[in-house]
Amino acid sequence: MKKSLLILGVLSLSISGISQAAGQMNEQALREKAAFALGVTQDRVTLEQSDRTPEPNSYFFNARYQGKLYQCYVGTIQQQIMSDAVCRPTDGSDLPR
């Protein structure tokens, strides 16, 4: 019985650790991917949280470049970034040139 409780306790701690890690993405990697999608250097891009509803295997975020806001997303598998970013301007205009 004690062994079962110990195993249950360890599993619950593991699951809580995984769920905490799931809420975090590598900001540097996201900035790099957004900058690449926008065709600019990453030091000129800032990231903001997106108000989009989360979806499985996708991570949504906003990127700001020269005062303009872009909605971006990357494909993920188990909270690992698995794709380039896809970004579109929120005002319907073209991407930077």
PDB file of N, CA and C in Angstrom:
ATOM      1  N   MET A   1       0.830  -1.200   0.000  1.00  0.00           N
ATOM      2  CA  MET A   1       0.000   0.000   0.000  1.00  0.00           C
ATOM      3  C   MET A   1       0.870   1.259   0.000  1.00  0.00           C
ATOM      4  N   LYS A   2       1.903   1.259   0.874  1.00  0.00           N
ATOM      5  CA  LYS A   2       2.794   2.419   0.926  1.00  0.00           C
ATOM      6  C   LYS A   2       3.523   2.601  -0.400  1.00  0.00           C
ATOM      7  N   LYS A   3       3.885   1.475  -1.005  1.00  0.00           N
ATOM      8  CA  LYS A   3       4.580   1.537  -2.287  1.00  0.00           C
ATOM      9  C   LYS A   3       3.672   2.136  -3.364  1.00  0.00           C
ATOM     10  N   SER A   4       2.400   1.760  -3.350  1.00  0.00           N
ATOM     11  CA  SER A   4       1.433   2.295  -4.316  1.00  0.00           C
ATOM     12  C   SER A   4       1.256   3.793  -4.133  1.00  0.00           C
ATOM     13  N   LEU A   5       1.182   4.238  -2.880  1.00  0.00           N
ATOM     14  CA  LEU A   5       1.041   5.670  -2.612  1.00  0.00           C
ATOM     15  C   LEU A   5       2.281   6.431  -3.049  1.00  0.00           C
ATOM     16  N   LEU A   6       3.449   5.851  -2.836  1.00  0.00           N
ATOM     17  CA  LEU A   6       4.687   6.489  -3.255  1.00  0.00           C
ATOM     18  C   LEU A   6       4.731   6.632  -4.774  1.00  0.00           C
ATOM     19  N   ILE A   7       4.376   5.569  -5.475  1.00  0.00           N
ATOM     20  CA  ILE A   7       4.359   5.612  -6.939  1.00  0.00           C
ATOM     21  C   ILE A   7       3.346   6.633  -7.434  1.00  0.00           C
ATOM     22  N   LEU A   8       2.179   6.663  -6.822  1.00  0.00           N
ATOM     23  CA  LEU A   8       1.149   7.634  -7.197  1.00  0.00           C
ATOM     24  C   LEU A   8       1.643   9.061  -6.970  1.00  0.00           C
ATOM     25  N   GLY A   9       2.317   9.294  -5.854  1.00  0.00           N
ATOM     26  CA  GLY A   9       2.852  10.623  -5.557  1.00  0.00           C
ATOM     27  C   GLY A   9       3.901  11.053  -6.566  1.00  0.00           C
ATOM     28  N   VAL A  10       4.800  10.146  -6.925  1.00  0.00           N
ATOM     29  CA  VAL A  10       5.838  10.451  -7.908  1.00  0.00           C
ATOM     30  C   VAL A  10       5.212  10.746  -9.266  1.00  0.00           C
ATOM     31  N   LEU A  11       4.224   9.963  -9.668  1.00  0.00           N
ATOM     32  CA  LEU A  11       3.556  10.200 -10.945  1.00  0.00           C
ATOM     33  C   LEU A  11       2.852  11.549 -10.977  1.00  0.00           C
ATOM     34  N   SER A  12       2.192  11.914  -9.889  1.00  0.00           N
ATOM     35  CA  SER A  12       1.485  13.197  -9.875  1.00  0.00           C
ATOM     36  C   SER A  12       2.466  14.356  -9.937  1.00  0.00           C
ATOM     37  N   LEU A  13       3.616  14.241  -9.277  1.00  0.00           N
ATOM     38  CA  LEU A  13       4.633  15.290  -9.373  1.00  0.00           C
ATOM     39  C   LEU A  13       5.197  15.372 -10.784  1.00  0.00           C
ATOM     40  N   SER A  14       5.398  14.239 -11.420  1.00  0.00           N
ATOM     41  CA  SER A  14       5.902  14.220 -12.789  1.00  0.00           C
ATOM     42  C   SER A  14       4.926  14.888 -13.740  1.00  0.00           C
ATOM     43  N   ILE A  15       3.653  14.561 -13.595  1.00  0.00           N
ATOM     44  CA  ILE A  15       2.631  15.142 -14.468  1.00  0.00           C
ATOM     45  C   ILE A  15       2.538  16.642 -14.261  1.00  0.00           C
ATOM     46  N   SER A  16       2.614  17.118 -13.020  1.00  0.00           N
ATOM     47  CA  SER A  16       2.536  18.562 -12.784  1.00  0.00           C
ATOM     48  C   SER A  16       3.751  19.262 -13.367  1.00  0.00           C
ATOM     49  N   GLY A  17       4.916  18.627 -13.308  1.00  0.00           N
ATOM     50  CA  GLY A  17       6.110  19.214 -13.916  1.00  0.00           C
ATOM     51  C   GLY A  17       5.996  19.300 -15.417  1.00  0.00           C
ATOM     52  N   ILE A  18       5.435  18.264 -16.026  1.00  0.00           N
ATOM     53  CA  ILE A  18       5.239  18.271 -17.474  1.00  0.00           C
ATOM     54  C   ILE A  18       4.253  19.356 -17.869  1.00  0.00           C
ATOM     55  N   SER A  19       3.169  19.517 -17.126  1.00  0.00           N
ATOM     56  CA  SER A  19       2.175  20.529 -17.488  1.00  0.00           C
ATOM     57  C   SER A  19       2.730  21.931 -17.304  1.00  0.00           C
ATOM     58  N   GLN A  20       3.616  22.144 -16.329  1.00  0.00           N
ATOM     59  CA  GLN A  20       4.236  23.458 -16.188  1.00  0.00           C
ATOM     60  C   GLN A  20       5.149  23.734 -17.370  1.00  0.00           C
ATOM     61  N   ALA A  21       5.929  22.740 -17.782  1.00  0.00           N
ATOM     62  CA  ALA A  21       6.820  22.920 -18.921  1.00  0.00           C
ATOM     63  C   ALA A  21       6.031  23.138 -20.200  1.00  0.00           C
ATOM     64  N   ALA A  22       4.829  22.543 -20.290  1.00  0.00           N
ATOM     65  CA  ALA A  22       4.020  22.674 -21.497  1.00  0.00           C
ATOM     66  C   ALA A  22       3.562  24.105 -21.713  1.00  0.00           C
ATOM     67  N   GLY A  23       3.438  24.878 -20.656  1.00  0.00           N
ATOM     68  CA  GLY A  23       2.995  26.255 -20.784  1.00  0.00           C
ATOM     69  C   GLY A  23       4.087  27.209 -21.214  1.00  0.00           C
ATOM     70  N   GLN A  24       5.299  26.708 -21.377  1.00  0.00           N
ATOM     71  CA  GLN A  24       6.422  27.558 -21.720  1.00  0.00           C
ATOM     72  C   GLN A  24       6.988  27.149 -23.072  1.00  0.00           C
ATOM     73  N   MET A  25       7.353  28.132 -23.858  1.00  0.00           N
ATOM     74  CA  MET A  25       8.025  27.883 -25.129  1.00  0.00           C
ATOM     75  C   MET A  25       9.348  28.628 -25.100  1.00  0.00           C
ATOM     76  N   ASN A  26      10.279  28.183 -25.872  1.00  0.00           N
ATOM     77  CA  ASN A  26      11.585  28.822 -25.957  1.00  0.00           C
ATOM     78  C   ASN A  26      11.437  30.146 -26.704  1.00  0.00           C
ATOM     79  N   GLU A  27      11.475  31.241 -25.955  1.00  0.00           N
ATOM     80  CA  GLU A  27      11.238  32.564 -26.540  1.00  0.00           C
ATOM     81  C   GLU A  27      12.285  32.916 -27.593  1.00  0.00           C
ATOM     82  N   GLN A  28      13.527  32.546 -27.359  1.00  0.00           N
ATOM     83  CA  GLN A  28      14.585  32.843 -28.318  1.00  0.00           C
ATOM     84  C   GLN A  28      14.334  32.126 -29.643  1.00  0.00           C
ATOM     85  N   ALA A  29      13.915  30.869 -29.576  1.00  0.00           N
ATOM     86  CA  ALA A  29      13.622  30.117 -30.799  1.00  0.00           C
ATOM     87  C   ALA A  29      12.426  30.721 -31.531  1.00  0.00           C
ATOM     88  N   LEU A  30      11.407  31.140 -30.783  1.00  0.00           N
ATOM     89  CA  LEU A  30      10.239  31.767 -31.409  1.00  0.00           C
ATOM     90  C   LEU A  30      10.622  33.080 -32.085  1.00  0.00           C
ATOM     91  N   ARG A  31      11.450  33.878 -31.416  1.00  0.00           N
ATOM     92  CA  ARG A  31      11.885  35.156 -32.002  1.00  0.00           C
ATOM     93  C   ARG A  31      12.678  34.904 -33.287  1.00  0.00           C
ATOM     94  N   GLU A  32      13.553  33.909 -33.258  1.00  0.00           N
ATOM     95  CA  GLU A  32      14.354  33.571 -34.432  1.00  0.00           C
ATOM     96  C   GLU A  32      13.468  33.134 -35.595  1.00  0.00           C
ATOM     97  N   LYS A  33      12.480  32.307 -35.321  1.00  0.00           N
ATOM     98  CA  LYS A  33      11.598  31.809 -36.374  1.00  0.00           C
ATOM     99  C   LYS A  33      10.685  32.910 -36.918  1.00  0.00           C
ATOM    100  N   ALA A  34      10.196  33.785 -36.037  1.00  0.00           N
ATOM    101  CA  ALA A  34       9.363  34.902 -36.495  1.00  0.00           C
ATOM    102  C   ALA A  34      10.183  35.854 -37.360  1.00  0.00           C
ATOM    103  N   ALA A  35      11.397  36.151 -36.936  1.00  0.00           N
ATOM    104  CA  ALA A  35      12.254  37.045 -37.712  1.00  0.00           C
ATOM    105  C   ALA A  35      12.534  36.458 -39.094  1.00  0.00           C
ATOM    106  N   PHE A  36      12.787  35.165 -39.151  1.00  0.00           N
ATOM    107  CA  PHE A  36      13.025  34.510 -40.434  1.00  0.00           C
ATOM    108  C   PHE A  36      11.792  34.618 -41.326  1.00  0.00           C
ATOM    109  N   ALA A  37      10.611  34.385 -40.760  1.00  0.00           N
ATOM    110  CA  ALA A  37       9.368  34.467 -41.537  1.00  0.00           C
ATOM    111  C   ALA A  37       9.126  35.885 -42.056  1.00  0.00           C
ATOM    112  N   LEU A  38       9.534  36.879 -41.261  1.00  0.00           N
ATOM    113  CA  LEU A  38       9.328  38.273 -41.656  1.00  0.00           C
ATOM    114  C   LEU A  38      10.469  38.808 -42.516  1.00  0.00           C
ATOM    115  N   GLY A  39      11.554  38.067 -42.608  1.00  0.00           N
ATOM    116  CA  GLY A  39      12.685  38.489 -43.426  1.00  0.00           C
ATOM    117  C   GLY A  39      13.511  39.589 -42.789  1.00  0.00           C
ATOM    118  N   VAL A  40      13.581  39.595 -41.476  1.00  0.00           N
ATOM    119  CA  VAL A  40      14.352  40.613 -40.752  1.00  0.00           C
ATOM    120  C   VAL A  40      15.245  39.916 -39.724  1.00  0.00           C
ATOM    121  N   THR A  41      16.110  40.687 -39.069  1.00  0.00           N
ATOM    122  CA  THR A  41      16.958  40.103 -38.034  1.00  0.00           C
ATOM    123  C   THR A  41      16.184  40.011 -36.728  1.00  0.00           C
ATOM    124  N   GLN A  42      16.541  39.019 -35.921  1.00  0.00           N
ATOM    125  CA  GLN A  42      15.770  38.753 -34.708  1.00  0.00           C
ATOM    126  C   GLN A  42      15.881  39.846 -33.659  1.00  0.00           C
ATOM    127  N   ASP A  43      16.927  40.657 -33.696  1.00  0.00           N
ATOM    128  CA  ASP A  43      17.040  41.742 -32.715  1.00  0.00           C
ATOM    129  C   ASP A  43      16.022  42.852 -32.974  1.00  0.00           C
ATOM    130  N   ARG A  44      15.348  42.818 -34.107  1.00  0.00           N
ATOM    131  CA  ARG A  44      14.355  43.847 -34.443  1.00  0.00           C
ATOM    132  C   ARG A  44      12.919  43.385 -34.201  1.00  0.00           C
ATOM    133  N   VAL A  45      12.762  42.167 -33.659  1.00  0.00           N
ATOM    134  CA  VAL A  45      11.436  41.585 -33.430  1.00  0.00           C
ATOM    135  C   VAL A  45      11.202  41.433 -31.933  1.00  0.00           C
ATOM    136  N   THR A  46      10.013  41.838 -31.480  1.00  0.00           N
ATOM    137  CA  THR A  46       9.616  41.573 -30.096  1.00  0.00           C
ATOM    138  C   THR A  46       8.396  40.656 -30.122  1.00  0.00           C
ATOM    139  N   LEU A  47       8.287  39.835 -29.092  1.00  0.00           N
ATOM    140  CA  LEU A  47       7.189  38.873 -29.021  1.00  0.00           C
ATOM    141  C   LEU A  47       6.160  39.303 -27.997  1.00  0.00           C
ATOM    142  N   GLU A  48       4.917  38.971 -28.274  1.00  0.00           N
ATOM    143  CA  GLU A  48       3.809  39.241 -27.364  1.00  0.00           C
ATOM    144  C   GLU A  48       2.922  38.005 -27.317  1.00  0.00           C
ATOM    145  N   GLN A  49       2.175  37.891 -26.244  1.00  0.00           N
ATOM    146  CA  GLN A  49       1.263  36.756 -26.101  1.00  0.00           C
ATOM    147  C   GLN A  49       0.077  36.928 -27.042  1.00  0.00           C
ATOM    148  N   SER A  50      -0.362  35.828 -27.613  1.00  0.00           N
ATOM    149  CA  SER A  50      -1.507  35.847 -28.518  1.00  0.00           C
ATOM    150  C   SER A  50      -2.795  35.624 -27.738  1.00  0.00           C
ATOM    151  N   ASP A  51      -3.884  36.181 -28.249  1.00  0.00           N
ATOM    152  CA  ASP A  51      -5.188  35.937 -27.630  1.00  0.00           C
ATOM    153  C   ASP A  51      -5.938  34.810 -28.349  1.00  0.00           C
ATOM    154  N   ARG A  52      -5.267  34.143 -29.281  1.00  0.00           N
ATOM    155  CA  ARG A  52      -5.896  33.040 -30.011  1.00  0.00           C
ATOM    156  C   ARG A  52      -6.100  31.843 -29.104  1.00  0.00           C
ATOM    157  N   THR A  53      -7.138  31.088 -29.366  1.00  0.00           N
ATOM    158  CA  THR A  53      -7.429  29.880 -28.603  1.00  0.00           C
ATOM    159  C   THR A  53      -6.386  28.815 -28.938  1.00  0.00           C
ATOM    160  N   PRO A  54      -5.750  28.237 -27.916  1.00  0.00           N
ATOM    161  CA  PRO A  54      -4.739  27.202 -28.185  1.00  0.00           C
ATOM    162  C   PRO A  54      -5.336  26.009 -28.924  1.00  0.00           C
ATOM    163  N   GLU A  55      -4.530  25.403 -29.769  1.00  0.00           N
ATOM    164  CA  GLU A  55      -4.924  24.204 -30.504  1.00  0.00           C
ATOM    165  C   GLU A  55      -3.854  23.138 -30.301  1.00  0.00           C
ATOM    166  N   PRO A  56      -4.242  21.876 -30.385  1.00  0.00           N
ATOM    167  CA  PRO A  56      -3.236  20.818 -30.264  1.00  0.00           C
ATOM    168  C   PRO A  56      -2.196  20.945 -31.379  1.00  0.00           C
ATOM    169  N   ASN A  57      -0.963  20.731 -31.040  1.00  0.00           N
ATOM    170  CA  ASN A  57       0.149  20.723 -31.998  1.00  0.00           C
ATOM    171  C   ASN A  57       0.398  22.063 -32.682  1.00  0.00           C
ATOM    172  N   SER A  58      -0.058  23.151 -32.080  1.00  0.00           N
ATOM    173  CA  SER A  58       0.223  24.499 -32.586  1.00  0.00           C
ATOM    174  C   SER A  58       0.469  25.430 -31.414  1.00  0.00           C
ATOM    175  N   TYR A  59       1.338  26.408 -31.618  1.00  0.00           N
ATOM    176  CA  TYR A  59       1.570  27.431 -30.607  1.00  0.00           C
ATOM    177  C   TYR A  59       1.434  28.778 -31.299  1.00  0.00           C
ATOM    178  N   PHE A  60       0.530  29.610 -30.808  1.00  0.00           N
ATOM    179  CA  PHE A  60       0.259  30.916 -31.396  1.00  0.00           C
ATOM    180  C   PHE A  60       0.947  32.006 -30.581  1.00  0.00           C
ATOM    181  N   PHE A  61       1.486  33.003 -31.267  1.00  0.00           N
ATOM    182  CA  PHE A  61       2.099  34.146 -30.603  1.00  0.00           C
ATOM    183  C   PHE A  61       2.053  35.337 -31.548  1.00  0.00           C
ATOM    184  N   ASN A  62       2.268  36.516 -31.017  1.00  0.00           N
ATOM    185  CA  ASN A  62       2.315  37.730 -31.820  1.00  0.00           C
ATOM    186  C   ASN A  62       3.752  38.222 -31.890  1.00  0.00           C
ATOM    187  N   ALA A  63       4.125  38.750 -33.039  1.00  0.00           N
ATOM    188  CA  ALA A  63       5.445  39.349 -33.224  1.00  0.00           C
ATOM    189  C   ALA A  63       5.239  40.796 -33.650  1.00  0.00           C
ATOM    190  N   ARG A  64       6.051  41.680 -33.116  1.00  0.00           N
ATOM    191  CA  ARG A  64       5.961  43.091 -33.468  1.00  0.00           C
ATOM    192  C   ARG A  64       7.274  43.512 -34.125  1.00  0.00           C
ATOM    193  N   TYR A  65       7.140  44.146 -35.295  1.00  0.00           N
ATOM    194  CA  TYR A  65       8.297  44.641 -36.040  1.00  0.00           C
ATOM    195  C   TYR A  65       7.950  46.024 -36.568  1.00  0.00           C
ATOM    196  N   GLN A  66       8.773  47.002 -36.272  1.00  0.00           N
ATOM    197  CA  GLN A  66       8.560  48.402 -36.666  1.00  0.00           C
ATOM    198  C   GLN A  66       7.156  48.879 -36.312  1.00  0.00           C
ATOM    199  N   GLY A  67       6.696  48.523 -35.128  1.00  0.00           N
ATOM    200  CA  GLY A  67       5.401  48.971 -34.643  1.00  0.00           C
ATOM    201  C   GLY A  67       4.201  48.230 -35.208  1.00  0.00           C
ATOM    202  N   LYS A  68       4.435  47.331 -36.126  1.00  0.00           N
ATOM    203  CA  LYS A  68       3.356  46.588 -36.770  1.00  0.00           C
ATOM    204  C   LYS A  68       3.226  45.207 -36.125  1.00  0.00           C
ATOM    205  N   LEU A  69       1.992  44.764 -35.898  1.00  0.00           N
ATOM    206  CA  LEU A  69       1.731  43.496 -35.226  1.00  0.00           C
ATOM    207  C   LEU A  69       1.451  42.388 -36.239  1.00  0.00           C
ATOM    208  N   TYR A  70       2.083  41.244 -36.024  1.00  0.00           N
ATOM    209  CA  TYR A  70       1.913  40.066 -36.872  1.00  0.00           C
ATOM    210  C   TYR A  70       1.447  38.903 -36.007  1.00  0.00           C
ATOM    211  N   GLN A  71       0.443  38.159 -36.489  1.00  0.00           N
ATOM    212  CA  GLN A  71       0.022  36.931 -35.813  1.00  0.00           C
ATOM    213  C   GLN A  71       0.847  35.789 -36.387  1.00  0.00           C
ATOM    214  N   CYS A  72       1.442  34.998 -35.496  1.00  0.00           N
ATOM    215  CA  CYS A  72       2.317  33.910 -35.926  1.00  0.00           C
ATOM    216  C   CYS A  72       1.923  32.607 -35.248  1.00  0.00           C
ATOM    217  N   TYR A  73       2.332  31.513 -35.858  1.00  0.00           N
ATOM    218  CA  TYR A  73       2.200  30.221 -35.189  1.00  0.00           C
ATOM    219  C   TYR A  73       3.309  29.296 -35.664  1.00  0.00           C
ATOM    220  N   VAL A  74       3.601  28.314 -34.825  1.00  0.00           N
ATOM    221  CA  VAL A  74       4.531  27.241 -35.170  1.00  0.00           C
ATOM    222  C   VAL A  74       3.850  25.914 -34.865  1.00  0.00           C
ATOM    223  N   GLY A  75       4.237  24.888 -35.593  1.00  0.00           N
ATOM    224  CA  GLY A  75       3.762  23.540 -35.301  1.00  0.00           C
ATOM    225  C   GLY A  75       4.600  22.943 -34.181  1.00  0.00           C
ATOM    226  N   THR A  76       3.948  22.207 -33.296  1.00  0.00           N
ATOM    227  CA  THR A  76       4.655  21.604 -32.169  1.00  0.00           C
ATOM    228  C   THR A  76       4.271  20.132 -32.023  1.00  0.00           C
ATOM    229  N   ILE A  77       5.169  19.389 -31.428  1.00  0.00           N
ATOM    230  CA  ILE A  77       4.895  18.019 -31.001  1.00  0.00           C
ATOM    231  C   ILE A  77       5.460  17.893 -29.602  1.00  0.00           C
ATOM    232  N   GLN A  78       4.608  17.598 -28.644  1.00  0.00           N
ATOM    233  CA  GLN A  78       4.985  17.496 -27.235  1.00  0.00           C
ATOM    234  C   GLN A  78       5.770  18.729 -26.790  1.00  0.00           C
ATOM    235  N   GLN A  79       5.259  19.896 -27.148  1.00  0.00           N
ATOM    236  CA  GLN A  79       5.809  21.196 -26.784  1.00  0.00           C
ATOM    237  C   GLN A  79       7.194  21.462 -27.359  1.00  0.00           C
ATOM    238  N   GLN A  80       7.598  20.728 -28.372  1.00  0.00           N
ATOM    239  CA  GLN A  80       8.838  20.990 -29.086  1.00  0.00           C
ATOM    240  C   GLN A  80       8.473  21.635 -30.419  1.00  0.00           C
ATOM    241  N   ILE A  81       9.127  22.726 -30.760  1.00  0.00           N
ATOM    242  CA  ILE A  81       8.849  23.419 -32.018  1.00  0.00           C
ATOM    243  C   ILE A  81       9.340  22.547 -33.168  1.00  0.00           C
ATOM    244  N   MET A  82       8.441  22.247 -34.097  1.00  0.00           N
ATOM    245  CA  MET A  82       8.761  21.336 -35.188  1.00  0.00           C
ATOM    246  C   MET A  82       8.633  21.982 -36.571  1.00  0.00           C
ATOM    247  N   SER A  83       8.365  23.281 -36.640  1.00  0.00           N
ATOM    248  CA  SER A  83       8.194  23.907 -37.950  1.00  0.00           C
ATOM    249  C   SER A  83       8.723  25.329 -37.917  1.00  0.00           C
ATOM    250  N   ASP A  84       8.827  25.903 -39.091  1.00  0.00           N
ATOM    251  CA  ASP A  84       9.104  27.331 -39.180  1.00  0.00           C
ATOM    252  C   ASP A  84       7.857  28.080 -38.744  1.00  0.00           C
ATOM    253  N   ALA A  85       8.008  29.350 -38.450  1.00  0.00           N
ATOM    254  CA  ALA A  85       6.857  30.178 -38.094  1.00  0.00           C
ATOM    255  C   ALA A  85       6.143  30.642 -39.362  1.00  0.00           C
ATOM    256  N   VAL A  86       4.855  30.758 -39.250  1.00  0.00           N
ATOM    257  CA  VAL A  86       4.036  31.378 -40.288  1.00  0.00           C
ATOM    258  C   VAL A  86       3.468  32.635 -39.658  1.00  0.00           C
ATOM    259  N   CYS A  87       3.727  33.790 -40.266  1.00  0.00           N
ATOM    260  CA  CYS A  87       3.291  35.072 -39.703  1.00  0.00           C
ATOM    261  C   CYS A  87       2.530  35.868 -40.750  1.00  0.00           C
ATOM    262  N   ARG A  88       1.493  36.550 -40.313  1.00  0.00           N
ATOM    263  CA  ARG A  88       0.696  37.415 -41.182  1.00  0.00           C
ATOM    264  C   ARG A  88       0.389  38.706 -40.448  1.00  0.00           C
ATOM    265  N   PRO A  89       0.403  39.837 -41.160  1.00  0.00           N
ATOM    266  CA  PRO A  89       0.082  41.109 -40.516  1.00  0.00           C
ATOM    267  C   PRO A  89      -1.383  41.159 -40.094  1.00  0.00           C
ATOM    268  N   THR A  90      -1.643  41.806 -38.983  1.00  0.00           N
ATOM    269  CA  THR A  90      -3.015  41.883 -38.477  1.00  0.00           C
ATOM    270  C   THR A  90      -3.845  42.918 -39.219  1.00  0.00           C
ATOM    271  N   ASP A  91      -3.196  43.815 -39.961  1.00  0.00           N
ATOM    272  CA  ASP A  91      -3.955  44.853 -40.671  1.00  0.00           C
ATOM    273  C   ASP A  91      -4.247  44.496 -42.127  1.00  0.00           C
ATOM    274  N   GLY A  92      -3.891  43.282 -42.549  1.00  0.00           N
ATOM    275  CA  GLY A  92      -4.191  42.840 -43.907  1.00  0.00           C
ATOM    276  C   GLY A  92      -3.193  43.284 -44.953  1.00  0.00           C
ATOM    277  N   SER A  93      -2.165  44.008 -44.561  1.00  0.00           N
ATOM    278  CA  SER A  93      -1.171  44.466 -45.533  1.00  0.00           C
ATOM    279  C   SER A  93      -0.173  43.349 -45.838  1.00  0.00           C
ATOM    280  N   ASP A  94       0.796  43.654 -46.692  1.00  0.00           N
ATOM    281  CA  ASP A  94       1.811  42.675 -47.072  1.00  0.00           C
ATOM    282  C   ASP A  94       2.865  42.513 -45.980  1.00  0.00           C
ATOM    283  N   LEU A  95       3.658  41.460 -46.113  1.00  0.00           N
ATOM    284  CA  LEU A  95       4.803  41.251 -45.232  1.00  0.00           C
ATOM    285  C   LEU A  95       5.868  42.299 -45.539  1.00  0.00           C
ATOM    286  N   PRO A  96       6.805  42.542 -44.614  1.00  0.00           N
ATOM    287  CA  PRO A  96       7.860  43.531 -44.878  1.00  0.00           C
ATOM    288  C   PRO A  96       8.693  43.146 -46.096  1.00  0.00           C
ATOM    289  N   ARG A  97       9.205  44.150 -46.758  1.00  0.00           N
ATOM    290  CA  ARG A  97      10.059  43.908 -47.937  1.00  0.00           C
ATOM    291  C   ARG A  97      11.476  44.276 -47.631  1.00  0.00           C
TER     292      ARG A  97
END
